[in-house]
N, C-alpha and C. Protein backbone atom coordinates (compact mmCIF):
# COMPACT_ATOMS: atom_id res chain seq x y z
N UNK A 1 -22.50 19.52 27.53
CA UNK A 1 -21.45 18.71 28.15
C UNK A 1 -20.21 18.69 27.25
N UNK A 2 -19.07 18.98 27.82
CA UNK A 2 -17.82 18.94 27.07
C UNK A 2 -17.22 17.54 27.14
N UNK A 3 -17.14 16.90 25.97
CA UNK A 3 -16.48 15.59 25.93
C UNK A 3 -14.96 15.75 26.01
N UNK A 4 -14.48 16.88 25.49
CA UNK A 4 -13.04 17.12 25.42
C UNK A 4 -12.75 18.51 25.96
N UNK A 5 -11.54 18.72 26.51
CA UNK A 5 -11.19 20.06 27.01
C UNK A 5 -11.36 21.11 25.92
N UNK A 6 -12.19 22.12 26.19
CA UNK A 6 -12.45 23.16 25.20
C UNK A 6 -13.19 22.65 23.98
N UNK A 7 -13.74 21.43 24.08
CA UNK A 7 -14.41 20.79 22.95
C UNK A 7 -13.53 20.76 21.70
N UNK A 8 -12.22 20.59 21.92
CA UNK A 8 -11.28 20.52 20.81
C UNK A 8 -10.71 19.12 20.73
N UNK A 9 -10.65 18.60 19.51
CA UNK A 9 -10.18 17.24 19.28
C UNK A 9 -9.17 17.23 18.13
N UNK A 10 -8.05 16.56 18.35
CA UNK A 10 -7.03 16.44 17.31
C UNK A 10 -7.15 15.07 16.65
N UNK A 11 -7.19 15.05 15.33
CA UNK A 11 -7.17 13.79 14.59
C UNK A 11 -5.71 13.46 14.27
N UNK A 12 -5.25 12.33 14.80
CA UNK A 12 -3.84 11.96 14.63
C UNK A 12 -3.64 11.17 13.35
N UNK A 13 -3.89 11.83 12.23
CA UNK A 13 -3.64 11.20 10.93
C UNK A 13 -3.25 12.26 9.93
N UNK A 14 -2.42 11.87 8.97
CA UNK A 14 -2.05 12.77 7.88
C UNK A 14 -2.74 12.34 6.57
N UNK A 15 -3.54 11.29 6.64
CA UNK A 15 -4.24 10.79 5.47
C UNK A 15 -5.48 11.66 5.25
N UNK A 16 -5.47 12.43 4.16
CA UNK A 16 -6.56 13.38 3.91
C UNK A 16 -7.91 12.69 3.75
N UNK A 17 -7.91 11.48 3.17
CA UNK A 17 -9.16 10.73 3.04
C UNK A 17 -9.74 10.40 4.41
N UNK A 18 -8.88 9.94 5.32
CA UNK A 18 -9.34 9.63 6.68
C UNK A 18 -9.82 10.89 7.39
N UNK A 19 -9.09 11.98 7.21
CA UNK A 19 -9.48 13.24 7.86
C UNK A 19 -10.88 13.63 7.43
N UNK A 20 -11.14 13.62 6.12
CA UNK A 20 -12.48 14.01 5.62
C UNK A 20 -13.55 13.09 6.17
N UNK A 21 -13.26 11.79 6.19
CA UNK A 21 -14.25 10.82 6.66
C UNK A 21 -14.53 11.01 8.15
N UNK A 22 -13.49 11.20 8.94
CA UNK A 22 -13.67 11.35 10.39
C UNK A 22 -14.35 12.68 10.73
N UNK A 23 -14.02 13.74 9.97
CA UNK A 23 -14.69 15.02 10.19
C UNK A 23 -16.19 14.90 9.92
N UNK A 24 -16.54 14.18 8.85
CA UNK A 24 -17.97 13.97 8.53
C UNK A 24 -18.66 13.22 9.66
N UNK A 25 -17.99 12.21 10.21
CA UNK A 25 -18.59 11.40 11.27
C UNK A 25 -18.75 12.18 12.57
N UNK A 26 -17.94 13.23 12.75
CA UNK A 26 -18.01 14.03 13.97
C UNK A 26 -18.88 15.28 13.83
N UNK A 27 -19.41 15.50 12.62
CA UNK A 27 -20.24 16.69 12.38
C UNK A 27 -21.45 16.71 13.32
N UNK A 28 -21.80 17.92 13.78
CA UNK A 28 -22.99 18.08 14.60
C UNK A 28 -22.80 17.68 16.06
N UNK A 29 -21.57 17.38 16.45
CA UNK A 29 -21.32 16.99 17.84
C UNK A 29 -20.71 18.12 18.67
N UNK A 30 -20.65 19.32 18.06
CA UNK A 30 -20.15 20.48 18.80
C UNK A 30 -18.68 20.42 19.13
N UNK A 31 -17.93 19.72 18.29
CA UNK A 31 -16.50 19.55 18.54
C UNK A 31 -15.70 20.28 17.48
N UNK A 32 -14.71 21.05 17.92
CA UNK A 32 -13.79 21.69 16.97
C UNK A 32 -12.69 20.68 16.64
N UNK A 33 -12.63 20.32 15.38
CA UNK A 33 -11.69 19.27 14.96
C UNK A 33 -10.51 19.90 14.24
N UNK A 34 -9.30 19.50 14.66
CA UNK A 34 -8.09 19.89 13.95
C UNK A 34 -7.26 18.63 13.72
N UNK A 35 -6.15 18.77 13.01
CA UNK A 35 -5.37 17.58 12.66
C UNK A 35 -3.92 17.71 13.13
N UNK A 36 -3.27 16.57 13.22
CA UNK A 36 -1.86 16.53 13.60
C UNK A 36 -1.03 17.35 12.61
N UNK A 37 -1.36 17.26 11.33
CA UNK A 37 -0.62 17.99 10.30
C UNK A 37 -0.80 19.50 10.49
N UNK A 38 -2.04 19.94 10.75
CA UNK A 38 -2.31 21.37 10.92
C UNK A 38 -1.54 21.94 12.11
N UNK A 39 -1.33 21.12 13.13
CA UNK A 39 -0.60 21.57 14.32
C UNK A 39 0.91 21.34 14.20
N UNK A 40 1.33 20.74 13.09
CA UNK A 40 2.75 20.49 12.90
C UNK A 40 3.33 19.45 13.85
N UNK A 41 2.51 18.50 14.26
CA UNK A 41 2.98 17.47 15.20
C UNK A 41 3.90 16.49 14.49
N UNK A 42 4.83 15.91 15.22
CA UNK A 42 5.77 14.97 14.58
C UNK A 42 5.05 13.71 14.09
N UNK A 43 5.56 13.15 12.99
CA UNK A 43 5.02 11.88 12.49
C UNK A 43 5.51 10.75 13.37
N UNK A 44 4.68 9.73 13.48
CA UNK A 44 5.02 8.60 14.34
C UNK A 44 5.37 7.40 13.48
N UNK A 45 6.43 6.71 13.86
CA UNK A 45 6.76 5.47 13.18
C UNK A 45 5.82 4.38 13.69
N UNK A 46 5.09 3.77 12.77
CA UNK A 46 4.10 2.76 13.16
C UNK A 46 4.79 1.40 13.27
N UNK A 47 5.28 1.13 14.46
CA UNK A 47 6.07 -0.09 14.69
C UNK A 47 5.24 -1.22 15.29
N UNK A 48 3.95 -0.97 15.53
CA UNK A 48 3.09 -1.99 16.13
C UNK A 48 2.79 -3.12 15.15
N UNK A 49 2.37 -4.24 15.71
CA UNK A 49 2.01 -5.39 14.87
C UNK A 49 0.50 -5.62 14.84
N UNK A 50 -0.25 -4.70 15.43
CA UNK A 50 -1.71 -4.78 15.38
C UNK A 50 -2.26 -3.37 15.16
N UNK A 51 -3.51 -3.29 14.69
CA UNK A 51 -4.16 -2.00 14.51
C UNK A 51 -4.23 -1.26 15.85
N UNK A 52 -4.52 -2.00 16.94
CA UNK A 52 -4.63 -1.40 18.27
C UNK A 52 -3.31 -0.75 18.69
N UNK A 53 -2.20 -1.47 18.47
CA UNK A 53 -0.89 -0.94 18.87
C UNK A 53 -0.55 0.33 18.09
N UNK A 54 -0.78 0.31 16.78
CA UNK A 54 -0.43 1.48 15.97
C UNK A 54 -1.31 2.68 16.29
N UNK A 55 -2.60 2.46 16.50
CA UNK A 55 -3.49 3.57 16.87
C UNK A 55 -3.06 4.17 18.21
N UNK A 56 -2.65 3.32 19.13
CA UNK A 56 -2.20 3.79 20.45
C UNK A 56 -0.92 4.61 20.33
N UNK A 57 0.03 4.14 19.51
CA UNK A 57 1.27 4.89 19.31
C UNK A 57 0.98 6.30 18.78
N UNK A 58 0.08 6.39 17.80
CA UNK A 58 -0.25 7.68 17.21
C UNK A 58 -0.95 8.59 18.23
N UNK A 59 -1.88 8.02 19.00
CA UNK A 59 -2.62 8.82 19.98
C UNK A 59 -1.69 9.33 21.08
N UNK A 60 -0.84 8.46 21.61
CA UNK A 60 0.06 8.87 22.70
C UNK A 60 1.01 9.97 22.26
N UNK A 61 1.56 9.84 21.07
CA UNK A 61 2.50 10.85 20.57
C UNK A 61 1.80 12.20 20.39
N UNK A 62 0.59 12.19 19.82
CA UNK A 62 -0.12 13.44 19.55
C UNK A 62 -0.61 14.11 20.83
N UNK A 63 -1.03 13.33 21.82
CA UNK A 63 -1.45 13.91 23.11
C UNK A 63 -0.27 14.60 23.78
N UNK A 64 0.86 13.91 23.79
CA UNK A 64 2.06 14.45 24.42
C UNK A 64 2.51 15.76 23.74
N UNK A 65 2.45 15.78 22.41
CA UNK A 65 2.93 16.94 21.66
C UNK A 65 1.95 18.11 21.65
N UNK A 66 0.63 17.81 21.77
CA UNK A 66 -0.37 18.88 21.62
C UNK A 66 -1.02 19.31 22.93
N UNK A 67 -1.14 18.39 23.88
CA UNK A 67 -1.86 18.70 25.11
C UNK A 67 -3.37 18.66 24.97
N UNK A 68 -3.85 18.25 23.80
CA UNK A 68 -5.30 18.14 23.56
C UNK A 68 -5.73 16.67 23.57
N UNK A 69 -7.04 16.47 23.65
CA UNK A 69 -7.58 15.13 23.42
C UNK A 69 -7.33 14.74 21.97
N UNK A 70 -7.05 13.47 21.74
CA UNK A 70 -6.66 13.00 20.41
C UNK A 70 -7.47 11.77 20.02
N UNK A 71 -7.89 11.74 18.76
CA UNK A 71 -8.51 10.56 18.19
C UNK A 71 -7.59 10.02 17.10
N UNK A 72 -7.14 8.79 17.29
CA UNK A 72 -6.24 8.16 16.32
C UNK A 72 -6.92 6.94 15.72
N UNK A 73 -6.65 6.74 14.43
CA UNK A 73 -7.21 5.59 13.72
C UNK A 73 -6.06 4.79 13.12
N UNK A 74 -6.16 3.47 13.23
CA UNK A 74 -5.31 2.64 12.38
C UNK A 74 -6.23 1.64 11.71
N UNK A 75 -6.06 1.50 10.43
CA UNK A 75 -7.01 0.68 9.68
C UNK A 75 -6.32 0.05 8.50
N UNK A 76 -6.99 -0.93 7.92
CA UNK A 76 -6.41 -1.58 6.76
C UNK A 76 -7.32 -2.66 6.22
N UNK A 77 -6.85 -3.29 5.17
CA UNK A 77 -7.58 -4.34 4.48
C UNK A 77 -6.94 -5.68 4.80
N UNK A 78 -7.76 -6.67 5.13
CA UNK A 78 -7.26 -8.02 5.41
C UNK A 78 -7.89 -8.99 4.41
N UNK A 79 -7.05 -9.58 3.57
CA UNK A 79 -7.53 -10.52 2.54
C UNK A 79 -7.47 -11.94 3.08
N UNK A 80 -8.57 -12.67 2.94
CA UNK A 80 -8.63 -14.05 3.43
C UNK A 80 -7.55 -14.92 2.79
N UNK A 81 -7.36 -14.76 1.48
CA UNK A 81 -6.41 -15.60 0.74
C UNK A 81 -4.98 -15.41 1.22
N UNK A 82 -4.72 -14.26 1.86
CA UNK A 82 -3.35 -13.93 2.27
C UNK A 82 -3.19 -13.99 3.79
N UNK A 83 -4.08 -14.72 4.45
CA UNK A 83 -3.96 -14.88 5.90
C UNK A 83 -4.10 -13.57 6.66
N UNK A 84 -4.84 -12.62 6.09
CA UNK A 84 -5.06 -11.33 6.76
C UNK A 84 -4.18 -10.21 6.25
N UNK A 85 -3.21 -10.51 5.38
CA UNK A 85 -2.38 -9.45 4.79
C UNK A 85 -3.23 -8.67 3.75
N UNK A 86 -2.89 -7.43 3.49
CA UNK A 86 -1.76 -6.67 4.04
C UNK A 86 -1.96 -6.17 5.46
N UNK A 87 -3.20 -6.13 5.96
CA UNK A 87 -3.44 -5.79 7.37
C UNK A 87 -2.80 -4.49 7.79
N UNK A 88 -2.01 -4.52 8.87
CA UNK A 88 -1.40 -3.29 9.39
C UNK A 88 -0.39 -2.69 8.41
N UNK A 89 -0.02 -3.46 7.38
CA UNK A 89 0.94 -2.96 6.39
C UNK A 89 0.25 -2.48 5.11
N UNK A 90 -1.06 -2.23 5.20
CA UNK A 90 -1.85 -1.86 4.01
C UNK A 90 -1.26 -0.67 3.27
N UNK A 91 -0.90 0.39 3.98
CA UNK A 91 -0.35 1.58 3.31
C UNK A 91 1.04 1.29 2.75
N UNK A 92 1.82 0.46 3.46
CA UNK A 92 3.19 0.16 3.02
C UNK A 92 3.22 -0.52 1.65
N UNK A 93 2.15 -1.26 1.31
CA UNK A 93 2.12 -1.94 0.02
C UNK A 93 2.14 -0.94 -1.15
N UNK A 94 1.84 0.32 -0.86
CA UNK A 94 1.88 1.34 -1.90
C UNK A 94 3.25 1.97 -2.04
N UNK A 95 4.24 1.47 -1.30
CA UNK A 95 5.60 2.01 -1.38
C UNK A 95 5.71 3.33 -0.64
N UNK A 96 6.89 3.95 -0.68
CA UNK A 96 7.12 5.21 0.05
C UNK A 96 6.16 6.32 -0.36
N UNK A 97 5.72 6.28 -1.63
CA UNK A 97 4.82 7.33 -2.12
C UNK A 97 3.35 7.02 -1.84
N UNK A 98 3.08 5.90 -1.16
CA UNK A 98 1.70 5.51 -0.82
C UNK A 98 0.80 5.48 -2.06
N UNK A 99 1.28 4.81 -3.10
CA UNK A 99 0.55 4.69 -4.36
C UNK A 99 -0.39 3.48 -4.27
N UNK A 100 -1.68 3.77 -4.08
CA UNK A 100 -2.62 2.66 -3.88
C UNK A 100 -2.99 1.96 -5.18
N UNK A 101 -2.72 2.60 -6.32
CA UNK A 101 -2.85 1.88 -7.59
C UNK A 101 -1.87 0.72 -7.61
N UNK A 102 -0.66 0.99 -7.18
CA UNK A 102 0.39 -0.02 -7.09
C UNK A 102 0.02 -1.08 -6.04
N UNK A 103 -0.52 -0.61 -4.90
CA UNK A 103 -0.90 -1.53 -3.82
C UNK A 103 -2.01 -2.48 -4.28
N UNK A 104 -3.01 -1.95 -4.99
CA UNK A 104 -4.12 -2.80 -5.45
C UNK A 104 -3.65 -3.79 -6.52
N UNK A 105 -2.71 -3.37 -7.36
CA UNK A 105 -2.16 -4.28 -8.37
C UNK A 105 -1.44 -5.44 -7.68
N UNK A 106 -0.65 -5.12 -6.66
CA UNK A 106 0.05 -6.18 -5.90
C UNK A 106 -0.95 -7.10 -5.21
N UNK A 107 -1.99 -6.51 -4.61
CA UNK A 107 -3.01 -7.31 -3.94
C UNK A 107 -3.65 -8.28 -4.93
N UNK A 108 -4.01 -7.80 -6.12
CA UNK A 108 -4.62 -8.65 -7.13
C UNK A 108 -3.72 -9.81 -7.52
N UNK A 109 -2.44 -9.53 -7.73
CA UNK A 109 -1.48 -10.58 -8.10
C UNK A 109 -1.35 -11.62 -6.99
N UNK A 110 -1.21 -11.16 -5.76
CA UNK A 110 -0.97 -12.09 -4.66
C UNK A 110 -2.20 -12.93 -4.32
N UNK A 111 -3.39 -12.30 -4.41
CA UNK A 111 -4.63 -13.06 -4.16
C UNK A 111 -4.80 -14.14 -5.22
N UNK A 112 -4.56 -13.80 -6.48
CA UNK A 112 -4.68 -14.77 -7.56
C UNK A 112 -3.69 -15.92 -7.37
N UNK A 113 -2.45 -15.59 -7.03
CA UNK A 113 -1.41 -16.61 -6.84
C UNK A 113 -1.72 -17.52 -5.66
N UNK A 114 -2.49 -17.00 -4.68
CA UNK A 114 -2.80 -17.77 -3.48
C UNK A 114 -4.09 -18.58 -3.61
N UNK A 115 -4.68 -18.63 -4.82
CA UNK A 115 -5.89 -19.44 -5.02
C UNK A 115 -7.12 -18.65 -5.37
N UNK A 116 -7.02 -17.31 -5.35
CA UNK A 116 -8.09 -16.42 -5.81
C UNK A 116 -9.34 -16.40 -4.92
N UNK A 117 -9.19 -16.70 -3.62
CA UNK A 117 -10.29 -16.48 -2.67
C UNK A 117 -10.44 -14.96 -2.53
N UNK A 118 -11.61 -14.44 -2.88
CA UNK A 118 -11.81 -12.99 -2.91
C UNK A 118 -12.39 -12.43 -1.60
N UNK A 119 -12.58 -13.25 -0.59
CA UNK A 119 -13.11 -12.75 0.68
C UNK A 119 -12.12 -11.81 1.36
N UNK A 120 -12.65 -10.77 2.02
CA UNK A 120 -11.78 -9.80 2.68
C UNK A 120 -12.59 -9.00 3.70
N UNK A 121 -11.88 -8.25 4.51
CA UNK A 121 -12.57 -7.32 5.42
C UNK A 121 -11.71 -6.08 5.61
N UNK A 122 -12.39 -4.96 5.81
CA UNK A 122 -11.74 -3.73 6.24
C UNK A 122 -11.88 -3.65 7.75
N UNK A 123 -10.82 -3.22 8.42
CA UNK A 123 -10.81 -3.07 9.87
C UNK A 123 -10.38 -1.65 10.22
N UNK A 124 -11.06 -1.06 11.19
CA UNK A 124 -10.65 0.24 11.73
C UNK A 124 -10.64 0.15 13.24
N UNK A 125 -9.55 0.58 13.85
CA UNK A 125 -9.47 0.69 15.31
C UNK A 125 -9.26 2.16 15.65
N UNK A 126 -10.14 2.69 16.49
CA UNK A 126 -10.04 4.07 16.96
C UNK A 126 -9.59 4.07 18.42
N UNK A 127 -8.63 4.91 18.73
CA UNK A 127 -8.21 5.11 20.12
C UNK A 127 -8.38 6.59 20.43
N UNK A 128 -9.18 6.87 21.45
CA UNK A 128 -9.41 8.23 21.92
C UNK A 128 -8.68 8.39 23.25
N UNK A 129 -7.79 9.38 23.30
CA UNK A 129 -6.95 9.56 24.48
C UNK A 129 -7.02 11.01 24.93
N UNK A 130 -7.21 11.19 26.24
CA UNK A 130 -7.24 12.53 26.82
C UNK A 130 -5.88 12.84 27.47
N UNK A 131 -5.57 14.12 27.67
CA UNK A 131 -4.30 14.48 28.31
C UNK A 131 -4.16 13.90 29.72
N UNK A 132 -5.28 13.64 30.39
CA UNK A 132 -5.19 13.09 31.76
C UNK A 132 -5.05 11.56 31.76
N UNK A 133 -4.93 10.97 30.57
CA UNK A 133 -4.69 9.53 30.50
C UNK A 133 -5.93 8.68 30.27
N UNK A 134 -7.13 9.29 30.35
CA UNK A 134 -8.34 8.51 30.05
C UNK A 134 -8.28 8.02 28.62
N UNK A 135 -8.88 6.87 28.38
CA UNK A 135 -8.75 6.24 27.07
C UNK A 135 -10.01 5.46 26.74
N UNK A 136 -10.44 5.55 25.49
CA UNK A 136 -11.55 4.72 24.97
C UNK A 136 -11.08 4.14 23.64
N UNK A 137 -11.37 2.86 23.44
CA UNK A 137 -10.96 2.20 22.19
C UNK A 137 -12.18 1.53 21.56
N UNK A 138 -12.26 1.55 20.26
CA UNK A 138 -13.37 0.89 19.56
C UNK A 138 -12.87 0.31 18.25
N UNK A 139 -13.54 -0.75 17.82
CA UNK A 139 -13.15 -1.45 16.58
C UNK A 139 -14.38 -1.59 15.69
N UNK A 140 -14.18 -1.40 14.40
CA UNK A 140 -15.25 -1.60 13.42
C UNK A 140 -14.73 -2.43 12.26
N UNK A 141 -15.58 -3.31 11.75
CA UNK A 141 -15.20 -4.16 10.62
C UNK A 141 -16.33 -4.22 9.61
N UNK A 142 -15.98 -4.38 8.34
CA UNK A 142 -16.98 -4.66 7.32
C UNK A 142 -16.40 -5.72 6.39
N UNK A 143 -17.17 -6.78 6.20
CA UNK A 143 -16.73 -7.85 5.31
C UNK A 143 -17.19 -7.57 3.89
N UNK A 144 -16.49 -8.19 2.95
CA UNK A 144 -16.87 -7.99 1.57
C UNK A 144 -16.06 -8.86 0.64
N UNK A 145 -16.06 -8.47 -0.64
CA UNK A 145 -15.41 -9.25 -1.70
C UNK A 145 -14.47 -8.33 -2.47
N UNK A 146 -13.31 -8.87 -2.82
CA UNK A 146 -12.36 -8.11 -3.63
C UNK A 146 -12.71 -8.24 -5.10
N UNK A 147 -12.47 -7.16 -5.85
CA UNK A 147 -12.73 -7.17 -7.28
C UNK A 147 -11.52 -6.56 -7.99
N UNK A 148 -11.12 -7.23 -9.06
CA UNK A 148 -10.00 -6.74 -9.88
C UNK A 148 -10.42 -6.80 -11.35
N UNK A 149 -10.12 -5.77 -12.15
CA UNK A 149 -9.45 -4.53 -11.76
C UNK A 149 -10.33 -3.66 -10.89
N UNK A 150 -9.73 -2.72 -10.16
CA UNK A 150 -10.50 -1.83 -9.28
C UNK A 150 -11.54 -1.03 -10.08
N UNK A 151 -12.61 -0.63 -9.37
CA UNK A 151 -13.69 0.12 -10.01
C UNK A 151 -14.03 1.36 -9.18
N UNK A 152 -14.14 2.50 -9.86
CA UNK A 152 -14.59 3.73 -9.20
C UNK A 152 -13.44 4.66 -8.87
N UNK A 153 -13.78 5.94 -8.82
CA UNK A 153 -12.79 6.99 -8.55
C UNK A 153 -12.95 7.57 -7.15
N UNK A 154 -13.96 7.13 -6.42
CA UNK A 154 -14.23 7.71 -5.10
C UNK A 154 -13.43 7.03 -4.00
N UNK A 155 -13.65 7.52 -2.79
CA UNK A 155 -12.99 6.93 -1.64
C UNK A 155 -11.49 7.14 -1.68
N UNK A 156 -10.76 6.24 -1.02
CA UNK A 156 -9.31 6.33 -0.99
C UNK A 156 -8.77 4.95 -0.63
N UNK A 157 -7.47 4.80 -0.70
CA UNK A 157 -6.87 3.51 -0.35
C UNK A 157 -7.37 2.39 -1.25
N UNK A 158 -7.78 1.29 -0.63
CA UNK A 158 -8.22 0.10 -1.37
C UNK A 158 -9.71 0.13 -1.72
N UNK A 159 -10.39 1.26 -1.49
CA UNK A 159 -11.85 1.33 -1.72
C UNK A 159 -12.28 0.84 -3.09
N UNK A 160 -11.56 1.16 -4.19
CA UNK A 160 -12.04 0.74 -5.51
C UNK A 160 -11.99 -0.76 -5.78
N UNK A 161 -11.36 -1.54 -4.91
CA UNK A 161 -11.34 -2.99 -5.16
C UNK A 161 -12.12 -3.77 -4.10
N UNK A 162 -12.97 -3.08 -3.32
CA UNK A 162 -13.70 -3.74 -2.23
C UNK A 162 -15.20 -3.51 -2.36
N UNK A 163 -15.96 -4.60 -2.50
CA UNK A 163 -17.42 -4.54 -2.53
C UNK A 163 -17.94 -5.03 -1.18
N UNK A 164 -18.57 -4.15 -0.38
CA UNK A 164 -19.08 -4.60 0.92
C UNK A 164 -20.24 -5.57 0.77
N UNK A 165 -20.41 -6.45 1.74
CA UNK A 165 -21.50 -7.45 1.72
C UNK A 165 -22.84 -6.77 1.50
N UNK A 166 -23.64 -7.38 0.65
CA UNK A 166 -24.98 -6.87 0.39
C UNK A 166 -25.04 -5.79 -0.68
N UNK A 167 -23.89 -5.43 -1.25
CA UNK A 167 -23.84 -4.39 -2.27
C UNK A 167 -23.27 -4.96 -3.57
N UNK A 168 -23.45 -4.24 -4.68
CA UNK A 168 -22.84 -4.68 -5.93
C UNK A 168 -21.86 -3.64 -6.47
N UNK A 169 -21.65 -2.58 -5.69
CA UNK A 169 -20.68 -1.56 -6.06
C UNK A 169 -19.53 -1.54 -5.06
N UNK A 170 -18.37 -1.12 -5.53
CA UNK A 170 -17.23 -0.96 -4.62
C UNK A 170 -17.41 0.32 -3.80
N UNK A 171 -16.65 0.43 -2.72
CA UNK A 171 -16.63 1.69 -1.97
C UNK A 171 -16.19 2.83 -2.88
N UNK A 172 -15.33 2.53 -3.85
CA UNK A 172 -14.85 3.55 -4.78
C UNK A 172 -15.92 4.06 -5.72
N UNK A 173 -17.01 3.31 -5.87
CA UNK A 173 -18.12 3.72 -6.75
C UNK A 173 -19.23 4.42 -5.97
N UNK A 174 -19.07 4.53 -4.65
CA UNK A 174 -20.12 5.13 -3.81
C UNK A 174 -19.77 6.57 -3.45
N UNK A 175 -20.81 7.36 -3.25
CA UNK A 175 -20.61 8.70 -2.69
C UNK A 175 -20.19 8.54 -1.23
N UNK A 176 -19.51 9.54 -0.70
CA UNK A 176 -19.00 9.46 0.68
C UNK A 176 -20.12 9.17 1.68
N UNK A 177 -21.30 9.76 1.46
CA UNK A 177 -22.42 9.57 2.39
C UNK A 177 -22.91 8.12 2.36
N UNK A 178 -22.87 7.50 1.17
CA UNK A 178 -23.29 6.10 1.07
C UNK A 178 -22.31 5.19 1.80
N UNK A 179 -21.03 5.41 1.55
CA UNK A 179 -20.01 4.60 2.20
C UNK A 179 -20.13 4.72 3.72
N UNK A 180 -20.42 5.93 4.20
CA UNK A 180 -20.47 6.18 5.64
C UNK A 180 -21.58 5.39 6.34
N UNK A 181 -22.56 4.89 5.57
CA UNK A 181 -23.64 4.13 6.21
C UNK A 181 -23.15 2.84 6.85
N UNK A 182 -22.10 2.26 6.29
CA UNK A 182 -21.68 0.96 6.84
C UNK A 182 -20.19 0.70 6.75
N UNK A 183 -19.39 1.74 6.59
CA UNK A 183 -17.95 1.50 6.50
C UNK A 183 -17.39 1.07 7.85
N UNK A 184 -16.21 0.48 7.82
CA UNK A 184 -15.53 0.04 9.04
C UNK A 184 -15.28 1.21 9.99
N UNK A 185 -14.94 2.38 9.43
CA UNK A 185 -14.66 3.54 10.28
C UNK A 185 -15.94 4.07 10.90
N UNK A 186 -17.05 4.05 10.15
CA UNK A 186 -18.35 4.46 10.71
C UNK A 186 -18.74 3.55 11.86
N UNK A 187 -18.53 2.25 11.67
CA UNK A 187 -18.90 1.30 12.72
C UNK A 187 -18.03 1.48 13.96
N UNK A 188 -16.75 1.76 13.75
CA UNK A 188 -15.87 2.01 14.89
C UNK A 188 -16.29 3.30 15.61
N UNK A 189 -16.66 4.34 14.84
CA UNK A 189 -17.08 5.60 15.45
C UNK A 189 -18.38 5.43 16.23
N UNK A 190 -19.32 4.66 15.69
CA UNK A 190 -20.58 4.41 16.41
C UNK A 190 -20.30 3.70 17.73
N UNK A 191 -19.40 2.71 17.69
CA UNK A 191 -19.04 1.98 18.91
C UNK A 191 -18.36 2.91 19.91
N UNK A 192 -17.51 3.79 19.41
CA UNK A 192 -16.81 4.74 20.28
C UNK A 192 -17.80 5.68 20.95
N UNK A 193 -18.76 6.19 20.19
CA UNK A 193 -19.75 7.12 20.74
C UNK A 193 -20.65 6.42 21.78
N UNK A 194 -20.95 5.15 21.54
CA UNK A 194 -21.73 4.39 22.55
C UNK A 194 -20.95 4.30 23.85
N UNK A 195 -19.65 4.06 23.75
CA UNK A 195 -18.79 3.99 24.94
C UNK A 195 -18.76 5.35 25.64
N UNK A 196 -18.66 6.41 24.86
CA UNK A 196 -18.52 7.76 25.42
C UNK A 196 -19.80 8.24 26.07
N UNK A 197 -20.90 8.05 25.36
CA UNK A 197 -22.17 8.66 25.76
C UNK A 197 -23.08 7.71 26.54
N UNK A 198 -22.72 6.42 26.55
CA UNK A 198 -23.49 5.43 27.29
C UNK A 198 -24.82 5.09 26.63
């Protein structure tokens, strides 16, 4: 059964960490995966105020430009002490160069200044859009605790400062396969596949 025309799927992200993670999650499903960057698709300005809005903007732009089915992700870290920030602005905290060392340093300062509540969650929203307008959306979350200074060289983004519930290591200290067992993106992908396959 072909889930997508020609079993080809475009990942609407330029974040190499996300690309690797999503490719791993799609392995063994008989889908040829390519990326917006590989196809030279235009970058989208993420003007939405929610993960759902930004994922939709990315998916719609890539479908229009490529003519293929597209899977778009918008995700980020929400700190309890900061009322859910940085949230949809998670990447922006790293400045124009997307320096997550800088972003994690800012997060540590702001959490401490706000009372040092270390509770947080990672959120991922996936939007799957076909050229004919069909659409499936799924959300995944994982709660955990922030740790400063960050620990580990693995993962990407805020992974080195986030310890998921039930663990004593950060996502940055885990191998990719370990993180995939319960990451927010894995949970969103599982929910998406349940929607797709019934």
